[in-house]
């Protein structure tokens, strides 16, 4: 059970980091509070919002 939690946390942190570093490639407002909220909520938004999914892919493909 501990290994699963560790893996999920690792995936969450990896996704958040990739989105944070590629944020400039998205169409979202560049304000820090907006960036922080969208980064922290990425798993939920990725599951329910098609526009967010598209921008998340842009952020992941970004090369900074």
PDB file of N, CA and C in Angstrom:
ATOM      1  N   UNK A   1       0.819  -1.196   0.000  1.00  0.00           N
ATOM      2  CA  UNK A   1       0.000   0.000   0.000  1.00  0.00           C
ATOM      3  C   UNK A   1       0.864   1.261   0.000  1.00  0.00           C
ATOM      4  N   UNK A   2       1.954   1.240   0.740  1.00  0.00           N
ATOM      5  CA  UNK A   2       2.836   2.396   0.794  1.00  0.00           C
ATOM      6  C   UNK A   2       3.499   2.681  -0.539  1.00  0.00           C
ATOM      7  N   UNK A   3       3.814   1.628  -1.281  1.00  0.00           N
ATOM      8  CA  UNK A   3       4.446   1.796  -2.588  1.00  0.00           C
ATOM      9  C   UNK A   3       3.498   2.468  -3.572  1.00  0.00           C
ATOM     10  N   UNK A   4       2.228   2.102  -3.521  1.00  0.00           N
ATOM     11  CA  UNK A   4       1.239   2.709  -4.419  1.00  0.00           C
ATOM     12  C   UNK A   4       1.106   4.199  -4.131  1.00  0.00           C
ATOM     13  N   UNK A   5       1.044   4.563  -2.858  1.00  0.00           N
ATOM     14  CA  UNK A   5       0.953   5.979  -2.486  1.00  0.00           C
ATOM     15  C   UNK A   5       2.184   6.737  -2.958  1.00  0.00           C
ATOM     16  N   UNK A   6       3.336   6.125  -2.799  1.00  0.00           N
ATOM     17  CA  UNK A   6       4.584   6.755  -3.231  1.00  0.00           C
ATOM     18  C   UNK A   6       4.589   6.970  -4.743  1.00  0.00           C
ATOM     19  N   UNK A   7       4.141   5.962  -5.496  1.00  0.00           N
ATOM     20  CA  UNK A   7       4.079   6.081  -6.958  1.00  0.00           C
ATOM     21  C   UNK A   7       3.090   7.155  -7.392  1.00  0.00           C
ATOM     22  N   UNK A   8       1.919   7.193  -6.762  1.00  0.00           N
ATOM     23  CA  UNK A   8       0.922   8.211  -7.100  1.00  0.00           C
ATOM     24  C   UNK A   8       1.435   9.615  -6.789  1.00  0.00           C
ATOM     25  N   UNK A   9       2.113   9.763  -5.672  1.00  0.00           N
ATOM     26  CA  UNK A   9       2.691  11.056  -5.323  1.00  0.00           C
ATOM     27  C   UNK A   9       3.754  11.458  -6.339  1.00  0.00           C
ATOM     28  N   UNK A  10       4.567  10.499  -6.750  1.00  0.00           N
ATOM     29  CA  UNK A  10       5.589  10.773  -7.760  1.00  0.00           C
ATOM     30  C   UNK A  10       4.984  11.201  -9.086  1.00  0.00           C
ATOM     31  N   UNK A  11       3.915  10.532  -9.501  1.00  0.00           N
ATOM     32  CA  UNK A  11       3.235  10.895 -10.749  1.00  0.00           C
ATOM     33  C   UNK A  11       2.626  12.287 -10.634  1.00  0.00           C
ATOM     34  N   UNK A  12       2.023  12.584  -9.479  1.00  0.00           N
ATOM     35  CA  UNK A  12       1.428  13.902  -9.259  1.00  0.00           C
ATOM     36  C   UNK A  12       2.493  14.996  -9.341  1.00  0.00           C
ATOM     37  N   UNK A  13       3.606  14.789  -8.667  1.00  0.00           N
ATOM     38  CA  UNK A  13       4.681  15.786  -8.658  1.00  0.00           C
ATOM     39  C   UNK A  13       5.279  15.945 -10.051  1.00  0.00           C
ATOM     40  N   UNK A  14       5.483  14.850 -10.760  1.00  0.00           N
ATOM     41  CA  UNK A  14       6.026  14.910 -12.120  1.00  0.00           C
ATOM     42  C   UNK A  14       5.090  15.701 -13.039  1.00  0.00           C
ATOM     43  N   UNK A  15       3.795  15.404 -12.989  1.00  0.00           N
ATOM     44  CA  UNK A  15       2.824  16.118 -13.816  1.00  0.00           C
ATOM     45  C   UNK A  15       2.768  17.595 -13.476  1.00  0.00           C
ATOM     46  N   UNK A  16       2.796  17.905 -12.186  1.00  0.00           N
ATOM     47  CA  UNK A  16       2.762  19.304 -11.758  1.00  0.00           C
ATOM     48  C   UNK A  16       4.014  20.044 -12.230  1.00  0.00           C
ATOM     49  N   UNK A  17       5.170  19.412 -12.090  1.00  0.00           N
ATOM     50  CA  UNK A  17       6.417  20.047 -12.522  1.00  0.00           C
ATOM     51  C   UNK A  17       6.428  20.283 -14.031  1.00  0.00           C
ATOM     52  N   UNK A  18       6.028  19.290 -14.808  1.00  0.00           N
ATOM     53  CA  UNK A  18       6.004  19.434 -16.265  1.00  0.00           C
ATOM     54  C   UNK A  18       5.033  20.537 -16.685  1.00  0.00           C
ATOM     55  N   UNK A  19       3.871  20.606 -16.038  1.00  0.00           N
ATOM     56  CA  UNK A  19       2.905  21.651 -16.373  1.00  0.00           C
ATOM     57  C   UNK A  19       3.451  23.021 -15.980  1.00  0.00           C
ATOM     58  N   UNK A  20       4.043  23.120 -14.795  1.00  0.00           N
ATOM     59  CA  UNK A  20       4.582  24.395 -14.314  1.00  0.00           C
ATOM     60  C   UNK A  20       5.663  24.921 -15.255  1.00  0.00           C
ATOM     61  N   UNK A  21       6.561  24.051 -15.666  1.00  0.00           N
ATOM     62  CA  UNK A  21       7.670  24.501 -16.514  1.00  0.00           C
ATOM     63  C   UNK A  21       7.239  24.768 -17.950  1.00  0.00           C
ATOM     64  N   UNK A  22       6.163  24.143 -18.408  1.00  0.00           N
ATOM     65  CA  UNK A  22       5.690  24.367 -19.771  1.00  0.00           C
ATOM     66  C   UNK A  22       4.514  25.313 -19.857  1.00  0.00           C
ATOM     67  N   UNK A  23       4.192  25.973 -18.753  1.00  0.00           N
ATOM     68  CA  UNK A  23       2.994  26.813 -18.667  1.00  0.00           C
ATOM     69  C   UNK A  23       2.951  27.902 -19.734  1.00  0.00           C
ATOM     70  N   UNK A  24       4.081  28.447 -20.104  1.00  0.00           N
ATOM     71  CA  UNK A  24       4.110  29.536 -21.091  1.00  0.00           C
ATOM     72  C   UNK A  24       3.592  29.104 -22.456  1.00  0.00           C
ATOM     73  N   UNK A  25       3.571  27.827 -22.724  1.00  0.00           N
ATOM     74  CA  UNK A  25       3.084  27.315 -24.010  1.00  0.00           C
ATOM     75  C   UNK A  25       1.560  27.210 -24.060  1.00  0.00           C
ATOM     76  N   UNK A  26       0.904  27.422 -22.936  1.00  0.00           N
ATOM     77  CA  UNK A  26      -0.551  27.288 -22.886  1.00  0.00           C
ATOM     78  C   UNK A  26      -1.224  28.612 -23.227  1.00  0.00           C
ATOM     79  N   UNK A  27      -2.549  28.565 -23.326  1.00  0.00           N
ATOM     80  CA  UNK A  27      -3.346  29.764 -23.598  1.00  0.00           C
ATOM     81  C   UNK A  27      -3.871  30.407 -22.322  1.00  0.00           C
ATOM     82  N   UNK A  28      -3.433  29.939 -21.172  1.00  0.00           N
ATOM     83  CA  UNK A  28      -3.951  30.439 -19.904  1.00  0.00           C
ATOM     84  C   UNK A  28      -3.315  31.772 -19.523  1.00  0.00           C
ATOM     85  N   UNK A  29      -4.035  32.515 -18.675  1.00  0.00           N
ATOM     86  CA  UNK A  29      -3.548  33.772 -18.116  1.00  0.00           C
ATOM     87  C   UNK A  29      -2.245  33.499 -17.359  1.00  0.00           C
ATOM     88  N   UNK A  30      -1.278  34.391 -17.494  1.00  0.00           N
ATOM     89  CA  UNK A  30       0.051  34.143 -16.924  1.00  0.00           C
ATOM     90  C   UNK A  30       0.218  34.593 -15.470  1.00  0.00           C
ATOM     91  N   UNK A  31      -0.862  34.955 -14.793  1.00  0.00           N
ATOM     92  CA  UNK A  31      -0.732  35.394 -13.402  1.00  0.00           C
ATOM     93  C   UNK A  31      -0.287  34.225 -12.516  1.00  0.00           C
ATOM     94  N   UNK A  32       0.478  34.542 -11.497  1.00  0.00           N
ATOM     95  CA  UNK A  32       1.009  33.517 -10.593  1.00  0.00           C
ATOM     96  C   UNK A  32      -0.095  32.745  -9.867  1.00  0.00           C
ATOM     97  N   UNK A  33      -1.129  33.425  -9.325  1.00  0.00           N
ATOM     98  CA  UNK A  33      -2.189  32.652  -8.655  1.00  0.00           C
ATOM     99  C   UNK A  33      -2.901  31.679  -9.606  1.00  0.00           C
ATOM    100  N   UNK A  34      -3.156  32.114 -10.824  1.00  0.00           N
ATOM    101  CA  UNK A  34      -3.805  31.255 -11.812  1.00  0.00           C
ATOM    102  C   UNK A  34      -2.918  30.060 -12.138  1.00  0.00           C
ATOM    103  N   UNK A  35      -1.646  30.320 -12.323  1.00  0.00           N
ATOM    104  CA  UNK A  35      -0.688  29.252 -12.635  1.00  0.00           C
ATOM    105  C   UNK A  35      -0.614  28.235 -11.498  1.00  0.00           C
ATOM    106  N   UNK A  36      -0.592  28.730 -10.262  1.00  0.00           N
ATOM    107  CA  UNK A  36      -0.499  27.844  -9.099  1.00  0.00           C
ATOM    108  C   UNK A  36      -1.744  26.964  -8.966  1.00  0.00           C
ATOM    109  N   UNK A  37      -2.921  27.553  -9.116  1.00  0.00           N
ATOM    110  CA  UNK A  37      -4.165  26.785  -8.985  1.00  0.00           C
ATOM    111  C   UNK A  37      -4.265  25.733 -10.083  1.00  0.00           C
ATOM    112  N   UNK A  38      -3.977  26.116 -11.320  1.00  0.00           N
ATOM    113  CA  UNK A  38      -4.057  25.165 -12.429  1.00  0.00           C
ATOM    114  C   UNK A  38      -3.029  24.043 -12.285  1.00  0.00           C
ATOM    115  N   UNK A  39      -1.883  24.355 -11.704  1.00  0.00           N
ATOM    116  CA  UNK A  39      -0.861  23.326 -11.481  1.00  0.00           C
ATOM    117  C   UNK A  39      -1.277  22.367 -10.369  1.00  0.00           C
ATOM    118  N   UNK A  40      -1.793  22.897  -9.272  1.00  0.00           N
ATOM    119  CA  UNK A  40      -2.184  22.042  -8.147  1.00  0.00           C
ATOM    120  C   UNK A  40      -3.382  21.154  -8.472  1.00  0.00           C
ATOM    121  N   UNK A  41      -4.286  21.645  -9.309  1.00  0.00           N
ATOM    122  CA  UNK A  41      -5.501  20.892  -9.626  1.00  0.00           C
ATOM    123  C   UNK A  41      -5.394  20.100 -10.921  1.00  0.00           C
ATOM    124  N   UNK A  42      -4.191  19.907 -11.439  1.00  0.00           N
ATOM    125  CA  UNK A  42      -4.052  19.299 -12.761  1.00  0.00           C
ATOM    126  C   UNK A  42      -4.725  17.939 -12.908  1.00  0.00           C
ATOM    127  N   UNK A  43      -4.704  17.037 -11.920  1.00  0.00           N
ATOM    128  CA  UNK A  43      -5.344  15.731 -12.159  1.00  0.00           C
ATOM    129  C   UNK A  43      -6.866  15.846 -12.347  1.00  0.00           C
ATOM    130  N   UNK A  44      -7.494  16.694 -11.553  1.00  0.00           N
ATOM    131  CA  UNK A  44      -8.948  16.869 -11.638  1.00  0.00           C
ATOM    132  C   UNK A  44      -9.318  17.531 -12.953  1.00  0.00           C
ATOM    133  N   UNK A  45      -8.629  18.614 -13.283  1.00  0.00           N
ATOM    134  CA  UNK A  45      -8.933  19.336 -14.518  1.00  0.00           C
ATOM    135  C   UNK A  45      -8.650  18.486 -15.750  1.00  0.00           C
ATOM    136  N   UNK A  46      -7.612  17.702 -15.701  1.00  0.00           N
ATOM    137  CA  UNK A  46      -7.274  16.821 -16.824  1.00  0.00           C
ATOM    138  C   UNK A  46      -8.395  15.805 -17.064  1.00  0.00           C
ATOM    139  N   UNK A  47      -9.025  15.361 -15.998  1.00  0.00           N
ATOM    140  CA  UNK A  47     -10.089  14.359 -16.113  1.00  0.00           C
ATOM    141  C   UNK A  47     -11.407  14.935 -16.619  1.00  0.00           C
ATOM    142  N   UNK A  48     -11.692  16.209 -16.315  1.00  0.00           N
ATOM    143  CA  UNK A  48     -13.034  16.729 -16.599  1.00  0.00           C
ATOM    144  C   UNK A  48     -13.103  17.838 -17.638  1.00  0.00           C
ATOM    145  N   UNK A  49     -11.984  18.423 -18.036  1.00  0.00           N
ATOM    146  CA  UNK A  49     -12.035  19.599 -18.899  1.00  0.00           C
ATOM    147  C   UNK A  49     -11.242  19.386 -20.189  1.00  0.00           C
ATOM    148  N   UNK A  50     -11.929  19.292 -21.328  1.00  0.00           N
ATOM    149  CA  UNK A  50     -11.237  19.063 -22.609  1.00  0.00           C
ATOM    150  C   UNK A  50     -10.263  20.184 -22.996  1.00  0.00           C
ATOM    151  N   UNK A  51     -10.619  21.434 -22.725  1.00  0.00           N
ATOM    152  CA  UNK A  51      -9.722  22.548 -23.056  1.00  0.00           C
ATOM    153  C   UNK A  51      -8.448  22.478 -22.213  1.00  0.00           C
ATOM    154  N   UNK A  52      -8.591  22.111 -20.952  1.00  0.00           N
ATOM    155  CA  UNK A  52      -7.420  21.967 -20.091  1.00  0.00           C
ATOM    156  C   UNK A  52      -6.532  20.832 -20.589  1.00  0.00           C
ATOM    157  N   UNK A  53      -7.142  19.723 -21.017  1.00  0.00           N
ATOM    158  CA  UNK A  53      -6.361  18.597 -21.557  1.00  0.00           C
ATOM    159  C   UNK A  53      -5.510  19.043 -22.737  1.00  0.00           C
ATOM    160  N   UNK A  54      -6.093  19.834 -23.610  1.00  0.00           N
ATOM    161  CA  UNK A  54      -5.365  20.321 -24.787  1.00  0.00           C
ATOM    162  C   UNK A  54      -4.188  21.199 -24.358  1.00  0.00           C
ATOM    163  N   UNK A  55      -4.413  22.091 -23.418  1.00  0.00           N
ATOM    164  CA  UNK A  55      -3.340  22.957 -22.943  1.00  0.00           C
ATOM    165  C   UNK A  55      -2.307  22.185 -22.130  1.00  0.00           C
ATOM    166  N   UNK A  56      -2.736  21.162 -21.408  1.00  0.00           N
ATOM    167  CA  UNK A  56      -1.802  20.328 -20.653  1.00  0.00           C
ATOM    168  C   UNK A  56      -0.839  19.637 -21.612  1.00  0.00           C
ATOM    169  N   UNK A  57      -1.371  19.139 -22.724  1.00  0.00           N
ATOM    170  CA  UNK A  57      -0.507  18.513 -23.736  1.00  0.00           C
ATOM    171  C   UNK A  57       0.492  19.521 -24.294  1.00  0.00           C
ATOM    172  N   UNK A  58       0.043  20.754 -24.524  1.00  0.00           N
ATOM    173  CA  UNK A  58       0.955  21.799 -25.012  1.00  0.00           C
ATOM    174  C   UNK A  58       2.086  22.027 -24.012  1.00  0.00           C
ATOM    175  N   UNK A  59       1.735  22.074 -22.736  1.00  0.00           N
ATOM    176  CA  UNK A  59       2.743  22.301 -21.697  1.00  0.00           C
ATOM    177  C   UNK A  59       3.732  21.140 -21.633  1.00  0.00           C
ATOM    178  N   UNK A  60       3.244  19.917 -21.776  1.00  0.00           N
ATOM    179  CA  UNK A  60       4.134  18.756 -21.716  1.00  0.00           C
ATOM    180  C   UNK A  60       5.085  18.708 -22.902  1.00  0.00           C
ATOM    181  N   UNK A  61       4.624  19.158 -24.056  1.00  0.00           N
ATOM    182  CA  UNK A  61       5.458  19.135 -25.260  1.00  0.00           C
ATOM    183  C   UNK A  61       6.438  20.302 -25.312  1.00  0.00           C
ATOM    184  N   UNK A  62       6.234  21.289 -24.464  1.00  0.00           N
ATOM    185  CA  UNK A  62       7.077  22.482 -24.459  1.00  0.00           C
ATOM    186  C   UNK A  62       8.516  22.133 -24.107  1.00  0.00           C
ATOM    187  N   UNK A  63       9.430  22.779 -24.784  1.00  0.00           N
ATOM    188  CA  UNK A  63      10.863  22.615 -24.479  1.00  0.00           C
ATOM    189  C   UNK A  63      11.396  23.964 -24.024  1.00  0.00           C
ATOM    190  N   UNK A  64      11.656  24.066 -22.725  1.00  0.00           N
ATOM    191  CA  UNK A  64      12.150  25.345 -22.174  1.00  0.00           C
ATOM    192  C   UNK A  64      13.637  25.361 -22.099  1.00  0.00           C
TER     193      UNK A  64
END
